[in-house]
Each structure stands twice: as C-alpha cells, then as structure tokens.
PDB file of N, CA and C in Angstrom:
ATOM      1  N   MET A   1      10.654  13.624   4.544  1.00  0.00           N
ATOM      2  CA  MET A   1      11.776  14.486   3.842  1.00  0.00           C
ATOM      3  C   MET A   1      11.390  13.813   2.218  1.00  0.00           C
ATOM      4  N   ARG A   2      11.033  11.952   2.128  1.00  0.00           N
ATOM      5  CA  ARG A   2      11.590  12.320   0.376  1.00  0.00           C
ATOM      6  C   ARG A   2      10.433  12.558  -0.374  1.00  0.00           C
ATOM      7  N   GLU A   3       9.338  12.659   0.420  1.00  0.00           N
ATOM      8  CA  GLU A   3       8.134  13.806  -0.685  1.00  0.00           C
ATOM      9  C   GLU A   3       8.204  14.846  -0.902  1.00  0.00           C
ATOM     10  N   ALA A   4       8.642  16.020  -0.204  1.00  0.00           N
ATOM     11  CA  ALA A   4       9.089  17.194  -1.039  1.00  0.00           C
ATOM     12  C   ALA A   4      10.327  17.539  -1.446  1.00  0.00           C
ATOM     13  N   VAL A   5      10.904  15.355  -1.933  1.00  0.00           N
ATOM     14  CA  VAL A   5      12.250  16.213  -3.653  1.00  0.00           C
ATOM     15  C   VAL A   5      11.543  15.446  -4.435  1.00  0.00           C
ATOM     16  N   ALA A   6      11.487  14.365  -4.045  1.00  0.00           N
ATOM     17  CA  ALA A   6      10.713  13.363  -5.041  1.00  0.00           C
ATOM     18  C   ALA A   6       9.700  12.870  -5.374  1.00  0.00           C
ATOM     19  N   CYS A   7       8.331  13.602  -4.506  1.00  0.00           N
ATOM     20  CA  CYS A   7       7.655  13.400  -4.881  1.00  0.00           C
ATOM     21  C   CYS A   7       7.300  11.874  -5.158  1.00  0.00           C
ATOM     22  N   ALA A   8       7.962  10.459  -4.920  1.00  0.00           N
ATOM     23  CA  ALA A   8       7.297   8.846  -5.553  1.00  0.00           C
ATOM     24  C   ALA A   8       6.911   9.079  -4.293  1.00  0.00           C
ATOM     25  N   GLY A   9       5.518   8.251  -5.134  1.00  0.00           N
ATOM     26  CA  GLY A   9       4.217   7.393  -4.749  1.00  0.00           C
ATOM     27  C   GLY A   9       3.336   8.444  -4.865  1.00  0.00           C
ATOM     28  N   MET A  10       3.443   9.856  -5.117  1.00  0.00           N
ATOM     29  CA  MET A  10       1.971  10.791  -4.865  1.00  0.00           C
ATOM     30  C   MET A  10       1.198  11.196  -6.390  1.00  0.00           C
ATOM     31  N   GLY A  11       1.788  10.425  -7.815  1.00  0.00           N
ATOM     32  CA  GLY A  11       0.835  10.410  -8.583  1.00  0.00           C
ATOM     33  C   GLY A  11      -0.877   9.739  -8.730  1.00  0.00           C
ATOM     34  N   PRO A  12      -0.775   8.919  -9.842  1.00  0.00           N
ATOM     35  CA  PRO A  12      -2.005   9.257  -9.997  1.00  0.00           C
ATOM     36  C   PRO A  12      -2.618   7.684  -8.890  1.00  0.00           C
ATOM     37  N   CYS A  13      -0.748   7.053  -9.685  1.00  0.00           N
ATOM     38  CA  CYS A  13      -1.338   5.595  -9.100  1.00  0.00           C
ATOM     39  C   CYS A  13      -1.123   5.152  -7.194  1.00  0.00           C
ATOM     40  N   GLN A  14      -0.647   6.206  -6.433  1.00  0.00           N
ATOM     41  CA  GLN A  14      -0.703   6.925  -5.542  1.00  0.00           C
ATOM     42  C   GLN A  14       0.391   5.421  -4.397  1.00  0.00           C
ATOM     43  N   GLY A  15       0.978   4.904  -5.650  1.00  0.00           N
ATOM     44  CA  GLY A  15       2.965   4.175  -5.383  1.00  0.00           C
ATOM     45  C   GLY A  15       2.339   2.617  -5.204  1.00  0.00           C
ATOM     46  N   ARG A  16       0.984   2.538  -5.718  1.00  0.00           N
ATOM     47  CA  ARG A  16       0.646   1.108  -6.236  1.00  0.00           C
ATOM     48  C   ARG A  16       1.437  -0.042  -7.063  1.00  0.00           C
ATOM     49  N   TYR A  17       1.279   1.120  -8.546  1.00  0.00           N
ATOM     50  CA  TYR A  17       1.809   0.809  -9.669  1.00  0.00           C
ATOM     51  C   TYR A  17       4.247   1.146  -9.338  1.00  0.00           C
ATOM     52  N   CYS A  18       4.273   1.995  -8.394  1.00  0.00           N
ATOM     53  CA  CYS A  18       5.937   2.447  -8.661  1.00  0.00           C
ATOM     54  C   CYS A  18       6.143   1.859  -7.186  1.00  0.00           C
ATOM     55  N   GLY A  19       5.469   1.736  -6.275  1.00  0.00           N
ATOM     56  CA  GLY A  19       6.347   1.553  -4.872  1.00  0.00           C
ATOM     57  C   GLY A  19       6.575   0.849  -4.598  1.00  0.00           C
ATOM     58  N   LEU A  20       6.812  -0.585  -5.491  1.00  0.00           N
ATOM     59  CA  LEU A  20       8.294  -1.460  -4.984  1.00  0.00           C
ATOM     60  C   LEU A  20       9.822  -0.890  -5.279  1.00  0.00           C
ATOM     61  N   THR A  21       9.424  -0.131  -6.739  1.00  0.00           N
ATOM     62  CA  THR A  21      10.556   0.093  -6.985  1.00  0.00           C
ATOM     63  C   THR A  21      11.219   0.998  -6.622  1.00  0.00           C
ATOM     64  N   VAL A  22      10.000   2.111  -5.626  1.00  0.00           N
ATOM     65  CA  VAL A  22      10.794   3.060  -5.202  1.00  0.00           C
ATOM     66  C   VAL A  22      11.392   2.378  -3.274  1.00  0.00           C
ATOM     67  N   LEU A  23      10.775   1.900  -3.176  1.00  0.00           N
ATOM     68  CA  LEU A  23      10.368   0.859  -1.731  1.00  0.00           C
ATOM     69  C   LEU A  23      12.785   0.569  -2.892  1.00  0.00           C
ATOM     70  N   ALA A  24      13.030  -0.663  -3.622  1.00  0.00           N
ATOM     71  CA  ALA A  24      13.891  -1.473  -4.227  1.00  0.00           C
ATOM     72  C   ALA A  24      15.088   0.210  -3.695  1.00  0.00           C
ATOM     73  N   LEU A  25      14.671   1.349  -4.497  1.00  0.00           N
ATOM     74  CA  LEU A  25      16.122   2.731  -4.861  1.00  0.00           C
ATOM     75  C   LEU A  25      15.789   3.031  -2.837  1.00  0.00           C
ATOM     76  N   LEU A  26      15.363   3.257  -2.516  1.00  0.00           N
ATOM     77  CA  LEU A  26      15.979   4.020  -1.823  1.00  0.00           C
ATOM     78  C   LEU A  26      17.244   3.456  -0.441  1.00  0.00           C
ATOM     79  N   ALA A  27      16.376   2.047  -0.241  1.00  0.00           N
ATOM     80  CA  ALA A  27      16.819   1.530   0.238  1.00  0.00           C
ATOM     81  C   ALA A  27      18.219   0.665  -0.083  1.00  0.00           C
ATOM     82  N   THR A  28      18.401   0.581  -1.421  1.00  0.00           N
ATOM     83  CA  THR A  28      19.628   0.712  -2.032  1.00  0.00           C
ATOM     84  C   THR A  28      20.290   2.265  -1.967  1.00  0.00           C
ATOM     85  N   ALA A  29      20.340   3.054  -1.858  1.00  0.00           N
ATOM     86  CA  ALA A  29      20.227   4.534  -1.420  1.00  0.00           C
ATOM     87  C   ALA A  29      20.935   4.811  -0.525  1.00  0.00           C
ATOM     88  N   ASN A  30      19.966   3.009   0.360  1.00  0.00           N
ATOM     89  CA  ASN A  30      20.204   4.191   2.191  1.00  0.00           C
ATOM     90  C   ASN A  30      21.181   2.712   2.048  1.00  0.00           C
ATOM     91  N   GLY A  31      21.670   1.940   2.072  1.00  0.00           N
ATOM     92  CA  GLY A  31      22.179   0.895   2.445  1.00  0.00           C
ATOM     93  C   GLY A  31      21.470  -0.162   3.441  1.00  0.00           C
ATOM     94  N   GLN A  32      19.996  -0.224   3.071  1.00  0.00           N
ATOM     95  CA  GLN A  32      19.070  -1.506   4.030  1.00  0.00           C
ATOM     96  C   GLN A  32      18.296  -1.640   3.106  1.00  0.00           C
ATOM     97  N   ASP A  33      18.198  -3.680   4.138  1.00  0.00           N
ATOM     98  CA  ASP A  33      17.211  -4.363   3.654  1.00  0.00           C
ATOM     99  C   ASP A  33      15.721  -3.697   2.933  1.00  0.00           C
ATOM    100  N   MET A  34      14.817  -3.808   2.527  1.00  0.00           N
ATOM    101  CA  MET A  34      13.448  -3.416   1.591  1.00  0.00           C
ATOM    102  C   MET A  34      12.885  -3.289   3.052  1.00  0.00           C
ATOM    103  N   ASP A  35      12.613  -4.695   3.521  1.00  0.00           N
ATOM    104  CA  ASP A  35      12.187  -4.563   5.109  1.00  0.00           C
ATOM    105  C   ASP A  35      12.447  -3.113   5.585  1.00  0.00           C
ATOM    106  N   GLU A  36      13.777  -2.890   6.547  1.00  0.00           N
ATOM    107  CA  GLU A  36      13.947  -1.607   7.298  1.00  0.00           C
ATOM    108  C   GLU A  36      13.684  -0.690   6.593  1.00  0.00           C
ATOM    109  N   THR A  37      13.398  -0.639   5.179  1.00  0.00           N
ATOM    110  CA  THR A  37      13.684   0.845   4.425  1.00  0.00           C
ATOM    111  C   THR A  37      12.262   1.996   5.259  1.00  0.00           C
ATOM    112  N   GLY A  38      10.835   0.934   5.141  1.00  0.00           N
ATOM    113  CA  GLY A  38       9.601   1.416   5.428  1.00  0.00           C
ATOM    114  C   GLY A  38       9.150   2.409   4.634  1.00  0.00           C
ATOM    115  N   TYR A  39       9.093   1.993   3.542  1.00  0.00           N
ATOM    116  CA  TYR A  39       8.373   2.949   2.614  1.00  0.00           C
ATOM    117  C   TYR A  39       6.617   2.177   2.338  1.00  0.00           C
ATOM    118  N   THR A  40       5.346   2.932   2.425  1.00  0.00           N
ATOM    119  CA  THR A  40       4.666   2.098   2.725  1.00  0.00           C
ATOM    120  C   THR A  40       3.895   3.313   0.809  1.00  0.00           C
ATOM    121  N   ALA A  41       2.304   2.338   0.681  1.00  0.00           N
ATOM    122  CA  ALA A  41       1.771   2.683  -0.382  1.00  0.00           C
ATOM    123  C   ALA A  41       0.677   3.074   0.063  1.00  0.00           C
ATOM    124  N   SER A  42      -0.601   3.709  -0.243  1.00  0.00           N
ATOM    125  CA  SER A  42      -1.468   3.867  -0.404  1.00  0.00           C
ATOM    126  C   SER A  42      -1.766   2.282  -0.806  1.00  0.00           C
ATOM    127  N   ALA A  43      -3.106   1.742   0.158  1.00  0.00           N
ATOM    128  CA  ALA A  43      -3.700   0.350  -0.673  1.00  0.00           C
ATOM    129  C   ALA A  43      -4.734   0.413  -1.472  1.00  0.00           C
ATOM    130  N   PRO A  44      -5.472  -0.038  -1.881  1.00  0.00           N
ATOM    131  CA  PRO A  44      -6.138  -0.004  -3.182  1.00  0.00           C
ATOM    132  C   PRO A  44      -7.474   0.112  -2.520  1.00  0.00           C
ATOM    133  N   LEU A  45      -7.868   0.464  -3.345  1.00  0.00           N
ATOM    134  CA  LEU A  45      -9.326   1.355  -1.809  1.00  0.00           C
ATOM    135  C   LEU A  45      -9.862   1.459  -2.885  1.00  0.00           C
ATOM    136  N   LYS A  46     -11.602   1.192  -2.236  1.00  0.00           N
ATOM    137  CA  LYS A  46     -12.470   2.034  -3.590  1.00  0.00           C
ATOM    138  C   LYS A  46     -14.500   1.517  -2.312  1.00  0.00           C
ATOM    139  N   PRO A  47     -15.114   2.289  -2.911  1.00  0.00           N
ATOM    140  CA  PRO A  47     -16.703   2.302  -1.287  1.00  0.00           C
ATOM    141  C   PRO A  47     -16.934   1.032  -2.091  1.00  0.00           C
ATOM    142  N   VAL A  48     -17.761   0.594  -0.857  1.00  0.00           N
ATOM    143  CA  VAL A  48     -17.946  -1.408  -1.113  1.00  0.00           C
ATOM    144  C   VAL A  48     -19.779  -0.375  -0.175  1.00  0.00           C
ATOM    145  N   THR A  49     -20.092  -1.170  -0.934  1.00  0.00           N
ATOM    146  CA  THR A  49     -22.243  -0.434  -1.033  1.00  0.00           C
ATOM    147  C   THR A  49     -22.380  -0.941   0.877  1.00  0.00           C
ATOM    148  N   LEU A  50     -23.426  -1.425   1.304  1.00  0.00           N
ATOM    149  CA  LEU A  50     -23.811  -2.229   2.441  1.00  0.00           C
ATOM    150  C   LEU A  50     -23.957  -3.148   2.027  1.00  0.00           C
ATOM    151  N   GLY A  51     -25.206  -3.131   0.937  1.00  0.00           N
ATOM    152  CA  GLY A  51     -25.620  -4.590   0.403  1.00  0.00           C
ATOM    153  C   GLY A  51     -24.103  -5.498  -0.007  1.00  0.00           C
ATOM    154  N   GLU A  52     -23.107  -5.218  -0.933  1.00  0.00           N
ATOM    155  CA  GLU A  52     -22.129  -6.076  -1.245  1.00  0.00           C
ATOM    156  C   GLU A  52     -21.441  -6.452   0.049  1.00  0.00           C
ATOM    157  N   LEU A  53     -21.553  -5.976   1.319  1.00  0.00           N
ATOM    158  CA  LEU A  53     -21.017  -6.070   2.710  1.00  0.00           C
ATOM    159  C   LEU A  53     -21.707  -7.102   2.885  1.00  0.00           C
ATOM    160  N   ALA A  54     -22.628  -6.937   2.898  1.00  0.00           N
ATOM    161  CA  ALA A  54     -23.580  -7.829   3.542  1.00  0.00           C
ATOM    162  C   ALA A  54     -23.421  -9.121   2.989  1.00  0.00           C
ATOM    163  N   ALA A  55     -23.613  -9.218   1.382  1.00  0.00           N
ATOM    164  CA  ALA A  55     -23.232 -10.328   0.744  1.00  0.00           C
ATOM    165  C   ALA A  55     -21.928 -10.642   0.781  1.00  0.00           C
ATOM    166  N   MET A  56     -20.814 -11.187   1.734  1.00  0.00           N
ATOM    167  CA  MET A  56     -19.927 -11.305   1.440  1.00  0.00           C
ATOM    168  C   MET A  56     -20.111 -12.545   2.818  1.00  0.00           C
ATOM    169  N   ASP A  57     -19.263 -13.436   2.168  1.00  0.00           N
ATOM    170  CA  ASP A  57     -19.274 -14.781   2.827  1.00  0.00           C
ATOM    171  C   ASP A  57     -18.028 -14.340   3.670  1.00  0.00           C
ATOM    172  N   SER A  58     -18.639 -15.552   4.677  1.00  0.00           N
ATOM    173  CA  SER A  58     -17.088 -15.583   5.796  1.00  0.00           C
ATOM    174  C   SER A  58     -16.199 -15.091   5.535  1.00  0.00           C
ATOM    175  N   THR A  59     -15.350 -16.671   4.219  1.00  0.00           N
ATOM    176  CA  THR A  59     -14.324 -16.554   4.294  1.00  0.00           C
ATOM    177  C   THR A  59     -13.393 -14.747   3.974  1.00  0.00           C
ATOM    178  N   ALA A  60     -14.017 -14.525   2.275  1.00  0.00           N
ATOM    179  CA  ALA A  60     -13.778 -12.440   2.080  1.00  0.00           C
ATOM    180  C   ALA A  60     -13.930 -11.652   3.380  1.00  0.00           C
ATOM    181  N   GLN A  61     -14.701 -12.183   4.156  1.00  0.00           N
ATOM    182  CA  GLN A  61     -14.356 -11.205   5.761  1.00  0.00           C
ATOM    183  C   GLN A  61     -13.474 -11.276   6.448  1.00  0.00           C
ATOM    184  N   ASN A  62     -13.238 -12.933   6.198  1.00  0.00           N
ATOM    185  CA  ASN A  62     -11.897 -12.010   7.080  1.00  0.00           C
ATOM    186  C   ASN A  62     -10.134 -12.041   6.445  1.00  0.00           C
ATOM    187  N   ALA A  63     -10.960 -12.358   4.769  1.00  0.00           N
ATOM    188  CA  ALA A  63      -9.461 -11.983   4.187  1.00  0.00           C
ATOM    189  C   ALA A  63      -9.561 -10.145   4.203  1.00  0.00           C
ATOM    190  N   ALA A  64     -10.454  -9.891   3.914  1.00  0.00           N
ATOM    191  CA  ALA A  64     -10.635  -7.973   4.572  1.00  0.00           C
ATOM    192  C   ALA A  64     -10.294  -8.566   5.614  1.00  0.00           C
ATOM    193  N   GLU A  65     -11.023  -8.576   6.688  1.00  0.00           N
ATOM    194  CA  GLU A  65     -10.340  -8.172   7.893  1.00  0.00           C
ATOM    195  C   GLU A  65      -8.292  -8.135   8.013  1.00  0.00           C
ATOM    196  N   GLN A  66      -8.242  -9.318   8.226  1.00  0.00           N
ATOM    197  CA  GLN A  66      -6.310  -9.227   7.431  1.00  0.00           C
ATOM    198  C   GLN A  66      -6.482  -8.323   7.097  1.00  0.00           C
ATOM    199  N   SER A  67      -6.486  -8.404   5.486  1.00  0.00           N
ATOM    200  CA  SER A  67      -5.714  -7.343   4.953  1.00  0.00           C
ATOM    201  C   SER A  67      -5.609  -6.028   5.518  1.00  0.00           C
ATOM    202  N   ILE A  68      -7.148  -5.503   5.942  1.00  0.00           N
ATOM    203  CA  ILE A  68      -7.199  -3.865   7.011  1.00  0.00           C
ATOM    204  C   ILE A  68      -6.088  -4.338   7.930  1.00  0.00           C
ATOM    205  N   ASN A  69      -6.461  -5.597   8.862  1.00  0.00           N
ATOM    206  CA  ASN A  69      -4.967  -5.330  10.067  1.00  0.00           C
ATOM    207  C   ASN A  69      -4.076  -4.495   9.501  1.00  0.00           C
ATOM    208  N   LYS A  70      -3.284  -5.621   8.804  1.00  0.00           N
ATOM    209  CA  LYS A  70      -2.323  -5.803   7.966  1.00  0.00           C
ATOM    210  C   LYS A  70      -1.565  -4.068   7.718  1.00  0.00           C
ATOM    211  N   GLY A  71      -2.239  -3.132   7.250  1.00  0.00           N
ATOM    212  CA  GLY A  71      -1.228  -1.686   7.329  1.00  0.00           C
ATOM    213  C   GLY A  71      -1.640  -1.455   8.170  1.00  0.00           C
TER     214      GLY A  71
END
C-alpha cells in the first residue's frame, strides 16, 4: 500500500539512502518502534564473477553468507 501512495524506496537508490528515514517516518506515523514497522530496502548488489568468488578467503565467504541469510 505504501508504494501506491508514496513510492518510498522505489527511486534510483531503491531505499539504500532514504531507507532509514522512511522507516523512522513510517514508525512515527503508525506509533510503532522501527523494529515493528517492517520496512525493508533492497540490498546493494552487484554482479560478481566466478574468478572473484574463487579468490575470496573464508572470512569474506562467511561474511557474505551471513549477509545473505539475514535478508
């Protein structure tokens, strides 16, 4: 519903820059905590080559897996 009214988080940044502000505004407007509001923004993603994946050390791989599992 919020997309149909405000298009918040649907611009060029996909909510990556404005996401926290939108989340705070929605929480305040609904009398909720930010954790209760449930607004999410798209993760900043970019294509990764197989060579880059193969060159990753285990620390970077663990961090990447944790990031993916959170989303």
